[in-house]
PDB file of N, CA and C in Angstrom:
ATOM      1  N   MET A   1       8.982   3.276  -8.954  1.00  0.00           N
ATOM      2  CA  MET A   1      10.238   3.044  -8.241  1.00  0.00           C
ATOM      3  C   MET A   1      10.964   4.375  -8.121  1.00  0.00           C
ATOM      4  N   ASN A   2      11.642   4.598  -7.020  1.00  0.00           N
ATOM      5  CA  ASN A   2      12.236   5.890  -6.736  1.00  0.00           C
ATOM      6  C   ASN A   2      13.744   5.942  -6.954  1.00  0.00           C
ATOM      7  N   GLY A   3      14.329   5.010  -7.696  1.00  0.00           N
ATOM      8  CA  GLY A   3      15.766   5.012  -7.937  1.00  0.00           C
ATOM      9  C   GLY A   3      16.563   4.398  -6.804  1.00  0.00           C
ATOM     10  N   LYS A   4      15.906   3.765  -5.868  1.00  0.00           N
ATOM     11  CA  LYS A   4      16.595   3.109  -4.762  1.00  0.00           C
ATOM     12  C   LYS A   4      16.518   1.597  -4.945  1.00  0.00           C
ATOM     13  N   LYS A   5      17.521   0.925  -4.399  1.00  0.00           N
ATOM     14  CA  LYS A   5      17.610  -0.527  -4.514  1.00  0.00           C
ATOM     15  C   LYS A   5      17.065  -1.169  -3.237  1.00  0.00           C
ATOM     16  N   ARG A   6      16.242  -2.197  -3.417  1.00  0.00           N
ATOM     17  CA  ARG A   6      15.686  -2.913  -2.267  1.00  0.00           C
ATOM     18  C   ARG A   6      16.699  -3.930  -1.783  1.00  0.00           C
ATOM     19  N   THR A   7      16.916  -3.963  -0.471  1.00  0.00           N
ATOM     20  CA  THR A   7      17.789  -4.958   0.149  1.00  0.00           C
ATOM     21  C   THR A   7      17.036  -5.609   1.303  1.00  0.00           C
ATOM     22  N   GLY A   8      17.582  -6.696   1.801  1.00  0.00           N
ATOM     23  CA  GLY A   8      16.955  -7.380   2.928  1.00  0.00           C
ATOM     24  C   GLY A   8      16.127  -8.559   2.474  1.00  0.00           C
ATOM     25  N   SER A   9      15.288  -9.046   3.380  1.00  0.00           N
ATOM     26  CA  SER A   9      14.435 -10.187   3.057  1.00  0.00           C
ATOM     27  C   SER A   9      13.130 -10.101   3.842  1.00  0.00           C
ATOM     28  N   CYS A  10      12.165 -10.855   3.388  1.00  0.00           N
ATOM     29  CA  CYS A  10      10.836 -10.862   3.982  1.00  0.00           C
ATOM     30  C   CYS A  10      10.883 -11.463   5.389  1.00  0.00           C
ATOM     31  N   LYS A  11      10.221 -10.809   6.335  1.00  0.00           N
ATOM     32  CA  LYS A  11      10.137 -11.302   7.713  1.00  0.00           C
ATOM     33  C   LYS A  11       8.881 -12.135   7.930  1.00  0.00           C
ATOM     34  N   GLN A  12       8.075 -12.283   6.878  1.00  0.00           N
ATOM     35  CA  GLN A  12       6.815 -13.019   6.926  1.00  0.00           C
ATOM     36  C   GLN A  12       5.867 -12.490   8.004  1.00  0.00           C
ATOM     37  N   CYS A  13       5.838 -11.151   8.128  1.00  0.00           N
ATOM     38  CA  CYS A  13       4.947 -10.529   9.117  1.00  0.00           C
ATOM     39  C   CYS A  13       3.515 -10.426   8.602  1.00  0.00           C
ATOM     40  N   GLY A  14       3.333 -10.441   7.277  1.00  0.00           N
ATOM     41  CA  GLY A  14       2.001 -10.368   6.687  1.00  0.00           C
ATOM     42  C   GLY A  14       1.428  -8.966   6.585  1.00  0.00           C
ATOM     43  N   ASN A  15       2.156  -7.959   7.051  1.00  0.00           N
ATOM     44  CA  ASN A  15       1.615  -6.593   7.018  1.00  0.00           C
ATOM     45  C   ASN A  15       1.289  -6.127   5.611  1.00  0.00           C
ATOM     46  N   CYS A  16       2.130  -6.468   4.644  1.00  0.00           N
ATOM     47  CA  CYS A  16       1.903  -6.000   3.273  1.00  0.00           C
ATOM     48  C   CYS A  16       0.665  -6.645   2.659  1.00  0.00           C
ATOM     49  N   CYS A  17       0.143  -7.674   3.272  1.00  0.00           N
ATOM     50  CA  CYS A  17      -1.048  -8.352   2.763  1.00  0.00           C
ATOM     51  C   CYS A  17      -2.313  -7.939   3.526  1.00  0.00           C
ATOM     52  N   ARG A  18      -2.150  -7.007   4.449  1.00  0.00           N
ATOM     53  CA  ARG A  18      -3.295  -6.544   5.236  1.00  0.00           C
ATOM     54  C   ARG A  18      -3.870  -5.237   4.728  1.00  0.00           C
ATOM     55  N   ASP A  19      -3.088  -4.495   3.981  1.00  0.00           N
ATOM     56  CA  ASP A  19      -3.597  -3.288   3.345  1.00  0.00           C
ATOM     57  C   ASP A  19      -2.724  -2.946   2.155  1.00  0.00           C
ATOM     58  N   PHE A  20      -3.174  -2.012   1.358  1.00  0.00           N
ATOM     59  CA  PHE A  20      -2.401  -1.610   0.199  1.00  0.00           C
ATOM     60  C   PHE A  20      -2.652  -0.142  -0.098  1.00  0.00           C
ATOM     61  N   ILE A  21      -1.723   0.443  -0.830  1.00  0.00           N
ATOM     62  CA  ILE A  21      -1.788   1.857  -1.169  1.00  0.00           C
ATOM     63  C   ILE A  21      -1.787   1.983  -2.692  1.00  0.00           C
ATOM     64  N   ILE A  22      -2.736   2.753  -3.205  1.00  0.00           N
ATOM     65  CA  ILE A  22      -2.782   3.021  -4.641  1.00  0.00           C
ATOM     66  C   ILE A  22      -3.005   4.517  -4.858  1.00  0.00           C
ATOM     67  N   ASP A  23      -2.525   5.001  -5.985  1.00  0.00           N
ATOM     68  CA  ASP A  23      -2.757   6.386  -6.371  1.00  0.00           C
ATOM     69  C   ASP A  23      -3.943   6.432  -7.327  1.00  0.00           C
ATOM     70  N   VAL A  24      -4.811   7.408  -7.101  1.00  0.00           N
ATOM     71  CA  VAL A  24      -6.003   7.564  -7.929  1.00  0.00           C
ATOM     72  C   VAL A  24      -6.097   9.027  -8.350  1.00  0.00           C
ATOM     73  N   GLN A  25      -6.451   9.255  -9.606  1.00  0.00           N
ATOM     74  CA  GLN A  25      -6.651  10.616 -10.082  1.00  0.00           C
ATOM     75  C   GLN A  25      -8.141  10.852 -10.238  1.00  0.00           C
ATOM     76  N   ILE A  26      -8.598  11.924  -9.601  1.00  0.00           N
ATOM     77  CA  ILE A  26     -10.000  12.321  -9.696  1.00  0.00           C
ATOM     78  C   ILE A  26     -10.026  13.521 -10.646  1.00  0.00           C
ATOM     79  N   ALA A  27     -10.189  13.249 -11.926  1.00  0.00           N
ATOM     80  CA  ALA A  27     -10.015  14.269 -12.966  1.00  0.00           C
ATOM     81  C   ALA A  27     -11.263  15.118 -13.176  1.00  0.00           C
ATOM     82  N   SER A  28     -11.029  16.284 -13.751  1.00  0.00           N
ATOM     83  CA  SER A  28     -12.092  17.189 -14.210  1.00  0.00           C
ATOM     84  C   SER A  28     -13.110  17.562 -13.137  1.00  0.00           C
ATOM     85  N   VAL A  29     -12.628  17.922 -11.972  1.00  0.00           N
ATOM     86  CA  VAL A  29     -13.521  18.380 -10.912  1.00  0.00           C
ATOM     87  C   VAL A  29     -13.024  19.717 -10.376  1.00  0.00           C
ATOM     88  N   THR A  30     -13.914  20.453  -9.773  1.00  0.00           N
ATOM     89  CA  THR A  30     -13.550  21.735  -9.166  1.00  0.00           C
ATOM     90  C   THR A  30     -12.813  21.489  -7.857  1.00  0.00           C
ATOM     91  N   ASP A  31     -12.222  22.535  -7.302  1.00  0.00           N
ATOM     92  CA  ASP A  31     -11.562  22.425  -5.997  1.00  0.00           C
ATOM     93  C   ASP A  31     -12.537  21.906  -4.950  1.00  0.00           C
ATOM     94  N   PHE A  32     -13.747  22.476  -4.949  1.00  0.00           N
ATOM     95  CA  PHE A  32     -14.750  22.059  -3.976  1.00  0.00           C
ATOM     96  C   PHE A  32     -15.095  20.581  -4.143  1.00  0.00           C
ATOM     97  N   GLU A  33     -15.334  20.156  -5.392  1.00  0.00           N
ATOM     98  CA  GLU A  33     -15.694  18.759  -5.627  1.00  0.00           C
ATOM     99  C   GLU A  33     -14.571  17.812  -5.213  1.00  0.00           C
ATOM    100  N   PHE A  34     -13.334  18.210  -5.500  1.00  0.00           N
ATOM    101  CA  PHE A  34     -12.183  17.387  -5.130  1.00  0.00           C
ATOM    102  C   PHE A  34     -12.113  17.214  -3.618  1.00  0.00           C
ATOM    103  N   THR A  35     -12.254  18.312  -2.885  1.00  0.00           N
ATOM    104  CA  THR A  35     -12.207  18.230  -1.421  1.00  0.00           C
ATOM    105  C   THR A  35     -13.397  17.445  -0.888  1.00  0.00           C
ATOM    106  N   ASP A  36     -14.535  17.589  -1.535  1.00  0.00           N
ATOM    107  CA  ASP A  36     -15.724  16.850  -1.127  1.00  0.00           C
ATOM    108  C   ASP A  36     -15.529  15.347  -1.341  1.00  0.00           C
ATOM    109  N   TYR A  37     -14.914  14.956  -2.475  1.00  0.00           N
ATOM    110  CA  TYR A  37     -14.597  13.542  -2.717  1.00  0.00           C
ATOM    111  C   TYR A  37     -13.702  12.991  -1.605  1.00  0.00           C
ATOM    112  N   LEU A  38     -12.683  13.750  -1.228  1.00  0.00           N
ATOM    113  CA  LEU A  38     -11.777  13.299  -0.161  1.00  0.00           C
ATOM    114  C   LEU A  38     -12.531  13.089   1.140  1.00  0.00           C
ATOM    115  N   GLN A  39     -13.382  14.042   1.470  1.00  0.00           N
ATOM    116  CA  GLN A  39     -14.171  13.918   2.699  1.00  0.00           C
ATOM    117  C   GLN A  39     -15.068  12.684   2.624  1.00  0.00           C
ATOM    118  N   TRP A  40     -15.695  12.460   1.474  1.00  0.00           N
ATOM    119  CA  TRP A  40     -16.571  11.310   1.291  1.00  0.00           C
ATOM    120  C   TRP A  40     -15.801   9.997   1.430  1.00  0.00           C
ATOM    121  N   ILE A  41     -14.627   9.914   0.785  1.00  0.00           N
ATOM    122  CA  ILE A  41     -13.802   8.708   0.871  1.00  0.00           C
ATOM    123  C   ILE A  41     -13.431   8.428   2.318  1.00  0.00           C
ATOM    124  N   ASN A  42     -13.019   9.467   3.041  1.00  0.00           N
ATOM    125  CA  ASN A  42     -12.567   9.289   4.419  1.00  0.00           C
ATOM    126  C   ASN A  42     -13.699   8.991   5.398  1.00  0.00           C
ATOM    127  N   CYS A  43     -14.954   9.075   4.944  1.00  0.00           N
ATOM    128  CA  CYS A  43     -16.095   8.681   5.781  1.00  0.00           C
ATOM    129  C   CYS A  43     -16.266   7.161   5.815  1.00  0.00           C
ATOM    130  N   HIS A  44     -15.566   6.467   4.930  1.00  0.00           N
ATOM    131  CA  HIS A  44     -15.698   5.012   4.836  1.00  0.00           C
ATOM    132  C   HIS A  44     -14.673   4.303   5.721  1.00  0.00           C
ATOM    133  N   GLN A  45     -15.100   3.220   6.322  1.00  0.00           N
ATOM    134  CA  GLN A  45     -14.211   2.433   7.164  1.00  0.00           C
ATOM    135  C   GLN A  45     -13.128   1.774   6.324  1.00  0.00           C
ATOM    136  N   ASN A  46     -11.963   1.636   6.923  1.00  0.00           N
ATOM    137  CA  ASN A  46     -10.839   0.901   6.344  1.00  0.00           C
ATOM    138  C   ASN A  46     -10.247   1.543   5.090  1.00  0.00           C
ATOM    139  N   VAL A  47     -10.554   2.823   4.846  1.00  0.00           N
ATOM    140  CA  VAL A  47      -9.984   3.552   3.712  1.00  0.00           C
ATOM    141  C   VAL A  47      -9.514   4.918   4.214  1.00  0.00           C
ATOM    142  N   GLN A  48      -8.320   5.288   3.818  1.00  0.00           N
ATOM    143  CA  GLN A  48      -7.793   6.607   4.169  1.00  0.00           C
ATOM    144  C   GLN A  48      -7.271   7.257   2.899  1.00  0.00           C
ATOM    145  N   ALA A  49      -7.779   8.449   2.582  1.00  0.00           N
ATOM    146  CA  ALA A  49      -7.339   9.191   1.403  1.00  0.00           C
ATOM    147  C   ALA A  49      -6.520  10.387   1.841  1.00  0.00           C
ATOM    148  N   SER A  50      -5.425  10.605   1.153  1.00  0.00           N
ATOM    149  CA  SER A  50      -4.626  11.805   1.407  1.00  0.00           C
ATOM    150  C   SER A  50      -4.224  12.404   0.061  1.00  0.00           C
ATOM    151  N   ILE A  51      -4.120  13.715   0.047  1.00  0.00           N
ATOM    152  CA  ILE A  51      -3.790  14.417  -1.195  1.00  0.00           C
ATOM    153  C   ILE A  51      -2.326  14.191  -1.526  1.00  0.00           C
ATOM    154  N   LYS A  52      -2.081  13.731  -2.728  1.00  0.00           N
ATOM    155  CA  LYS A  52      -0.717  13.568  -3.207  1.00  0.00           C
ATOM    156  C   LYS A  52      -0.316  14.775  -4.059  1.00  0.00           C
ATOM    157  N   ASP A  53      -1.228  15.236  -4.906  1.00  0.00           N
ATOM    158  CA  ASP A  53      -0.984  16.415  -5.740  1.00  0.00           C
ATOM    159  C   ASP A  53      -2.332  17.088  -5.998  1.00  0.00           C
ATOM    160  N   PHE A  54      -2.568  18.212  -5.308  1.00  0.00           N
ATOM    161  CA  PHE A  54      -3.861  18.884  -5.407  1.00  0.00           C
ATOM    162  C   PHE A  54      -4.148  19.332  -6.833  1.00  0.00           C
ATOM    163  N   ARG A  55      -3.194  19.964  -7.482  1.00  0.00           N
ATOM    164  CA  ARG A  55      -3.409  20.494  -8.844  1.00  0.00           C
ATOM    165  C   ARG A  55      -3.707  19.382  -9.845  1.00  0.00           C
ATOM    166  N   ALA A  56      -3.033  18.246  -9.725  1.00  0.00           N
ATOM    167  CA  ALA A  56      -3.260  17.113 -10.632  1.00  0.00           C
ATOM    168  C   ALA A  56      -4.434  16.251 -10.181  1.00  0.00           C
ATOM    169  N   ARG A  57      -5.006  16.611  -9.038  1.00  0.00           N
ATOM    170  CA  ARG A  57      -6.145  15.867  -8.473  1.00  0.00           C
ATOM    171  C   ARG A  57      -5.785  14.405  -8.200  1.00  0.00           C
ATOM    172  N   THR A  58      -4.566  14.193  -7.702  1.00  0.00           N
ATOM    173  CA  THR A  58      -4.111  12.841  -7.398  1.00  0.00           C
ATOM    174  C   THR A  58      -4.229  12.588  -5.900  1.00  0.00           C
ATOM    175  N   VAL A  59      -4.792  11.443  -5.577  1.00  0.00           N
ATOM    176  CA  VAL A  59      -5.030  11.045  -4.196  1.00  0.00           C
ATOM    177  C   VAL A  59      -4.335   9.716  -3.945  1.00  0.00           C
ATOM    178  N   GLU A  60      -3.758   9.578  -2.756  1.00  0.00           N
ATOM    179  CA  GLU A  60      -3.192   8.304  -2.342  1.00  0.00           C
ATOM    180  C   GLU A  60      -4.218   7.634  -1.433  1.00  0.00           C
ATOM    181  N   LEU A  61      -4.636   6.438  -1.804  1.00  0.00           N
ATOM    182  CA  LEU A  61      -5.611   5.689  -1.008  1.00  0.00           C
ATOM    183  C   LEU A  61      -4.920   4.538  -0.294  1.00  0.00           C
ATOM    184  N   GLN A  62      -5.088   4.490   1.012  1.00  0.00           N
ATOM    185  CA  GLN A  62      -4.631   3.335   1.777  1.00  0.00           C
ATOM    186  C   GLN A  62      -5.887   2.552   2.130  1.00  0.00           C
ATOM    187  N   ILE A  63      -5.939   1.318   1.646  1.00  0.00           N
ATOM    188  CA  ILE A  63      -7.110   0.477   1.835  1.00  0.00           C
ATOM    189  C   ILE A  63      -6.731  -0.665   2.761  1.00  0.00           C
ATOM    190  N   LYS A  64      -7.394  -0.702   3.907  1.00  0.00           N
ATOM    191  CA  LYS A  64      -7.094  -1.721   4.910  1.00  0.00           C
ATOM    192  C   LYS A  64      -8.087  -2.866   4.744  1.00  0.00           C
ATOM    193  N   ASN A  65      -7.655  -3.850   3.976  1.00  0.00           N
ATOM    194  CA  ASN A  65      -8.505  -4.991   3.671  1.00  0.00           C
ATOM    195  C   ASN A  65      -7.590  -6.178   3.398  1.00  0.00           C
ATOM    196  N   GLN A  66      -7.584  -7.118   4.296  1.00  0.00           N
ATOM    197  CA  GLN A  66      -6.655  -8.250   4.219  1.00  0.00           C
ATOM    198  C   GLN A  66      -6.879  -9.110   2.987  1.00  0.00           C
ATOM    199  N   CYS A  67      -5.789  -9.542   2.378  1.00  0.00           N
ATOM    200  CA  CYS A  67      -5.844 -10.462   1.249  1.00  0.00           C
ATOM    201  C   CYS A  67      -6.463 -11.794   1.700  1.00  0.00           C
ATOM    202  N   LYS A  68      -7.319 -12.332   0.865  1.00  0.00           N
ATOM    203  CA  LYS A  68      -7.986 -13.591   1.231  1.00  0.00           C
ATOM    204  C   LYS A  68      -7.041 -14.782   1.198  1.00  0.00           C
ATOM    205  N   TYR A  69      -5.831 -14.611   0.648  1.00  0.00           N
ATOM    206  CA  TYR A  69      -4.871 -15.710   0.568  1.00  0.00           C
ATOM    207  C   TYR A  69      -3.792 -15.650   1.638  1.00  0.00           C
ATOM    208  N   LEU A  70      -3.900 -14.700   2.571  1.00  0.00           N
ATOM    209  CA  LEU A  70      -2.935 -14.607   3.666  1.00  0.00           C
ATOM    210  C   LEU A  70      -3.212 -15.725   4.668  1.00  0.00           C
ATOM    211  N   VAL A  71      -2.172 -16.508   4.963  1.00  0.00           N
ATOM    212  CA  VAL A  71      -2.315 -17.664   5.852  1.00  0.00           C
ATOM    213  C   VAL A  71      -1.513 -17.430   7.133  1.00  0.00           C
ATOM    214  N   ASP A  72      -2.174 -17.583   8.279  1.00  0.00           N
ATOM    215  CA  ASP A  72      -1.493 -17.507   9.571  1.00  0.00           C
ATOM    216  C   ASP A  72      -0.890 -18.886   9.834  1.00  0.00           C
ATOM    217  N   ASN A  73       0.427 -18.953   9.882  1.00  0.00           N
ATOM    218  CA  ASN A  73       1.106 -20.235  10.078  1.00  0.00           C
ATOM    219  C   ASN A  73       1.078 -20.706  11.530  1.00  0.00           C
ATOM    220  N   GLY A  74       0.573 -19.867  12.433  1.00  0.00           N
ATOM    221  CA  GLY A  74       0.449 -20.257  13.837  1.00  0.00           C
ATOM    222  C   GLY A  74       1.730 -20.104  14.639  1.00  0.00           C
ATOM    223  N   ASP A  75       2.791 -19.624  14.017  1.00  0.00           N
ATOM    224  CA  ASP A  75       4.063 -19.457  14.718  1.00  0.00           C
ATOM    225  C   ASP A  75       4.520 -17.998  14.699  1.00  0.00           C
ATOM    226  N   GLY A  76       3.547 -17.103  14.480  1.00  0.00           N
ATOM    227  CA  GLY A  76       3.874 -15.689  14.399  1.00  0.00           C
ATOM    228  C   GLY A  76       4.278 -15.245  13.006  1.00  0.00           C
ATOM    229  N   LYS A  77       4.293 -16.171  12.073  1.00  0.00           N
ATOM    230  CA  LYS A  77       4.648 -15.856  10.691  1.00  0.00           C
ATOM    231  C   LYS A  77       3.459 -16.140   9.782  1.00  0.00           C
ATOM    232  N   PHE A  78       3.486 -15.478   8.649  1.00  0.00           N
ATOM    233  CA  PHE A  78       2.393 -15.609   7.695  1.00  0.00           C
ATOM    234  C   PHE A  78       2.949 -16.000   6.332  1.00  0.00           C
ATOM    235  N   SER A  79       2.118 -16.631   5.518  1.00  0.00           N
ATOM    236  CA  SER A  79       2.542 -17.017   4.173  1.00  0.00           C
ATOM    237  C   SER A  79       1.378 -16.821   3.209  1.00  0.00           C
ATOM    238  N   CYS A  80       1.655 -17.071   1.949  1.00  0.00           N
ATOM    239  CA  CYS A  80       0.668 -16.891   0.888  1.00  0.00           C
ATOM    240  C   CYS A  80       0.160 -18.256   0.432  1.00  0.00           C
ATOM    241  N   ALA A  81      -1.156 -18.402   0.403  1.00  0.00           N
ATOM    242  CA  ALA A  81      -1.760 -19.672  -0.015  1.00  0.00           C
ATOM    243  C   ALA A  81      -1.591 -19.926  -1.513  1.00  0.00           C
ATOM    244  N   ILE A  82      -1.287 -18.874  -2.275  1.00  0.00           N
ATOM    245  CA  ILE A  82      -1.103 -19.047  -3.716  1.00  0.00           C
ATOM    246  C   ILE A  82       0.316 -18.610  -4.118  1.00  0.00           C
ATOM    247  N   GLN A  83       1.271 -18.910  -3.288  1.00  0.00           N
ATOM    248  CA  GLN A  83       2.657 -18.486  -3.489  1.00  0.00           C
ATOM    249  C   GLN A  83       3.160 -18.751  -4.912  1.00  0.00           C
ATOM    250  N   ASP A  84       2.861 -19.930  -5.450  1.00  0.00           N
ATOM    251  CA  ASP A  84       3.378 -20.302  -6.772  1.00  0.00           C
ATOM    252  C   ASP A  84       2.670 -19.593  -7.927  1.00  0.00           C
ATOM    253  N   ARG A  85       1.528 -18.952  -7.663  1.00  0.00           N
ATOM    254  CA  ARG A  85       0.813 -18.265  -8.744  1.00  0.00           C
ATOM    255  C   ARG A  85       0.289 -16.877  -8.337  1.00  0.00           C
ATOM    256  N   LYS A  86       0.920 -16.303  -7.319  1.00  0.00           N
ATOM    257  CA  LYS A  86       0.471 -14.978  -6.883  1.00  0.00           C
ATOM    258  C   LYS A  86       0.853 -13.919  -7.918  1.00  0.00           C
ATOM    259  N   PRO A  87       0.140 -12.794  -7.939  1.00  0.00           N
ATOM    260  CA  PRO A  87       0.408 -11.741  -8.921  1.00  0.00           C
ATOM    261  C   PRO A  87       1.838 -11.207  -8.814  1.00  0.00           C
ATOM    262  N   GLU A  88       2.363 -10.770  -9.954  1.00  0.00           N
ATOM    263  CA  GLU A  88       3.726 -10.207 -10.007  1.00  0.00           C
ATOM    264  C   GLU A  88       3.894  -9.050  -9.037  1.00  0.00           C
ATOM    265  N   ILE A  89       2.862  -8.216  -8.888  1.00  0.00           N
ATOM    266  CA  ILE A  89       2.968  -7.066  -7.988  1.00  0.00           C
ATOM    267  C   ILE A  89       3.257  -7.518  -6.556  1.00  0.00           C
ATOM    268  N   CYS A  90       2.720  -8.666  -6.176  1.00  0.00           N
ATOM    269  CA  CYS A  90       2.986  -9.210  -4.841  1.00  0.00           C
ATOM    270  C   CYS A  90       4.447  -9.649  -4.715  1.00  0.00           C
ATOM    271  N   LYS A  91       4.958 -10.241  -5.770  1.00  0.00           N
ATOM    272  CA  LYS A  91       6.350 -10.705  -5.748  1.00  0.00           C
ATOM    273  C   LYS A  91       7.325  -9.542  -5.662  1.00  0.00           C
ATOM    274  N   ARG A  92       6.990  -8.418  -6.287  1.00  0.00           N
ATOM    275  CA  ARG A  92       7.861  -7.239  -6.291  1.00  0.00           C
ATOM    276  C   ARG A  92       7.705  -6.366  -5.049  1.00  0.00           C
ATOM    277  N   TYR A  93       6.620  -6.523  -4.334  1.00  0.00           N
ATOM    278  CA  TYR A  93       6.311  -5.641  -3.213  1.00  0.00           C
ATOM    279  C   TYR A  93       7.234  -5.896  -2.033  1.00  0.00           C
ATOM    280  N   PRO A  94       7.693  -4.895  -1.338  1.00  0.00           N
ATOM    281  CA  PRO A  94       7.536  -3.479  -1.644  1.00  0.00           C
ATOM    282  C   PRO A  94       8.546  -3.031  -2.688  1.00  0.00           C
ATOM    283  N   ASP A  95       8.094  -2.179  -3.599  1.00  0.00           N
ATOM    284  CA  ASP A  95       8.997  -1.653  -4.611  1.00  0.00           C
ATOM    285  C   ASP A  95       9.379  -0.211  -4.308  1.00  0.00           C
ATOM    286  N   ASP A  96       8.972   0.261  -3.142  1.00  0.00           N
ATOM    287  CA  ASP A  96       9.302   1.604  -2.696  1.00  0.00           C
ATOM    288  C   ASP A  96       9.338   1.570  -1.169  1.00  0.00           C
ATOM    289  N   ASP A  97       9.943   2.566  -0.574  1.00  0.00           N
ATOM    290  CA  ASP A  97      10.072   2.618   0.885  1.00  0.00           C
ATOM    291  C   ASP A  97       8.817   3.229   1.485  1.00  0.00           C
ATOM    292  N   TYR A  98       7.906   2.382   1.935  1.00  0.00           N
ATOM    293  CA  TYR A  98       6.640   2.830   2.493  1.00  0.00           C
ATOM    294  C   TYR A  98       6.664   2.905   4.020  1.00  0.00           C
ATOM    295  N   ALA A  99       7.817   2.715   4.627  1.00  0.00           N
ATOM    296  CA  ALA A  99       7.898   2.647   6.087  1.00  0.00           C
ATOM    297  C   ALA A  99       7.299   3.869   6.763  1.00  0.00           C
ATOM    298  N   ALA A 100       7.550   5.053   6.226  1.00  0.00           N
ATOM    299  CA  ALA A 100       7.038   6.275   6.840  1.00  0.00           C
ATOM    300  C   ALA A 100       5.510   6.316   6.808  1.00  0.00           C
ATOM    301  N   GLU A 101       4.908   5.846   5.708  1.00  0.00           N
ATOM    302  CA  GLU A 101       3.452   5.876   5.585  1.00  0.00           C
ATOM    303  C   GLU A 101       2.775   4.769   6.383  1.00  0.00           C
ATOM    304  N   THR A 102       3.400   3.608   6.438  1.00  0.00           N
ATOM    305  CA  THR A 102       2.737   2.455   7.036  1.00  0.00           C
ATOM    306  C   THR A 102       3.145   2.184   8.476  1.00  0.00           C
ATOM    307  N   GLY A 103       4.359   2.570   8.843  1.00  0.00           N
ATOM    308  CA  GLY A 103       4.857   2.273  10.181  1.00  0.00           C
ATOM    309  C   GLY A 103       5.282   0.827  10.346  1.00  0.00           C
ATOM    310  N   TRP A 104       5.317   0.067   9.245  1.00  0.00           N
ATOM    311  CA  TRP A 104       5.705  -1.334   9.325  1.00  0.00           C
ATOM    312  C   TRP A 104       7.185  -1.460   9.633  1.00  0.00           C
ATOM    313  N   ASP A 105       7.528  -2.493  10.348  1.00  0.00           N
ATOM    314  CA  ASP A 105       8.921  -2.856  10.579  1.00  0.00           C
ATOM    315  C   ASP A 105       9.248  -3.976   9.600  1.00  0.00           C
ATOM    316  N   CYS A 106       9.381  -3.599   8.343  1.00  0.00           N
ATOM    317  CA  CYS A 106       9.584  -4.563   7.249  1.00  0.00           C
ATOM    318  C   CYS A 106      11.029  -5.047   7.233  1.00  0.00           C
ATOM    319  N   GLY A 107      11.244  -6.258   6.742  1.00  0.00           N
ATOM    320  CA  GLY A 107      12.588  -6.812   6.606  1.00  0.00           C
ATOM    321  C   GLY A 107      13.341  -6.228   5.426  1.00  0.00           C
ATOM    322  N   TYR A 108      12.617  -5.507   4.547  1.00  0.00           N
ATOM    323  CA  TYR A 108      13.260  -4.864   3.405  1.00  0.00           C
ATOM    324  C   TYR A 108      13.612  -3.426   3.755  1.00  0.00           C
ATOM    325  N   SER A 109      14.692  -2.962   3.177  1.00  0.00           N
ATOM    326  CA  SER A 109      15.063  -1.551   3.290  1.00  0.00           C
ATOM    327  C   SER A 109      15.508  -1.083   1.914  1.00  0.00           C
ATOM    328  N   PHE A 110      15.687   0.208   1.780  1.00  0.00           N
ATOM    329  CA  PHE A 110      16.024   0.786   0.487  1.00  0.00           C
ATOM    330  C   PHE A 110      17.243   1.685   0.634  1.00  0.00           C
ATOM    331  N   GLU A 111      18.151   1.536  -0.321  1.00  0.00           N
ATOM    332  CA  GLU A 111      19.357   2.357  -0.331  1.00  0.00           C
ATOM    333  C   GLU A 111      19.564   2.900  -1.743  1.00  0.00           C
ATOM    334  N   ASP A 112      20.328   3.976  -1.850  1.00  0.00           N
ATOM    335  CA  ASP A 112      20.597   4.566  -3.164  1.00  0.00           C
ATOM    336  C   ASP A 112      21.244   3.534  -4.090  1.00  0.00           C
ATOM    337  N   ALA A 113      20.736   3.497  -5.315  1.00  0.00           N
ATOM    338  CA  ALA A 113      21.238   2.528  -6.295  1.00  0.00           C
ATOM    339  C   ALA A 113      22.604   2.929  -6.841  1.00  0.00           C
TER     340      ALA A 113
END
């Protein structure tokens, strides 16, 4: 969390259930190996790797793979088939302002706490 408060409400667009972003550290590798890993990752469909911190060997991975529990309600809105037992991370998402990275027009926004 970046010290900002989340406001707004879910628009039920389903975008947050179509891909996700995680940080991964590729430890104990040379500069060449690190860059080679990035190139290898980016050769795969539906995955995009970008350097978050070169020295710490941290990579941000955006994985475009829809959640199997995303339900199209047929009215332009989407819902979760396991709403009552979905993971906590789903309930908290988004916990940071990802608009710049994702381009989503999310119903949530973030303001200084």
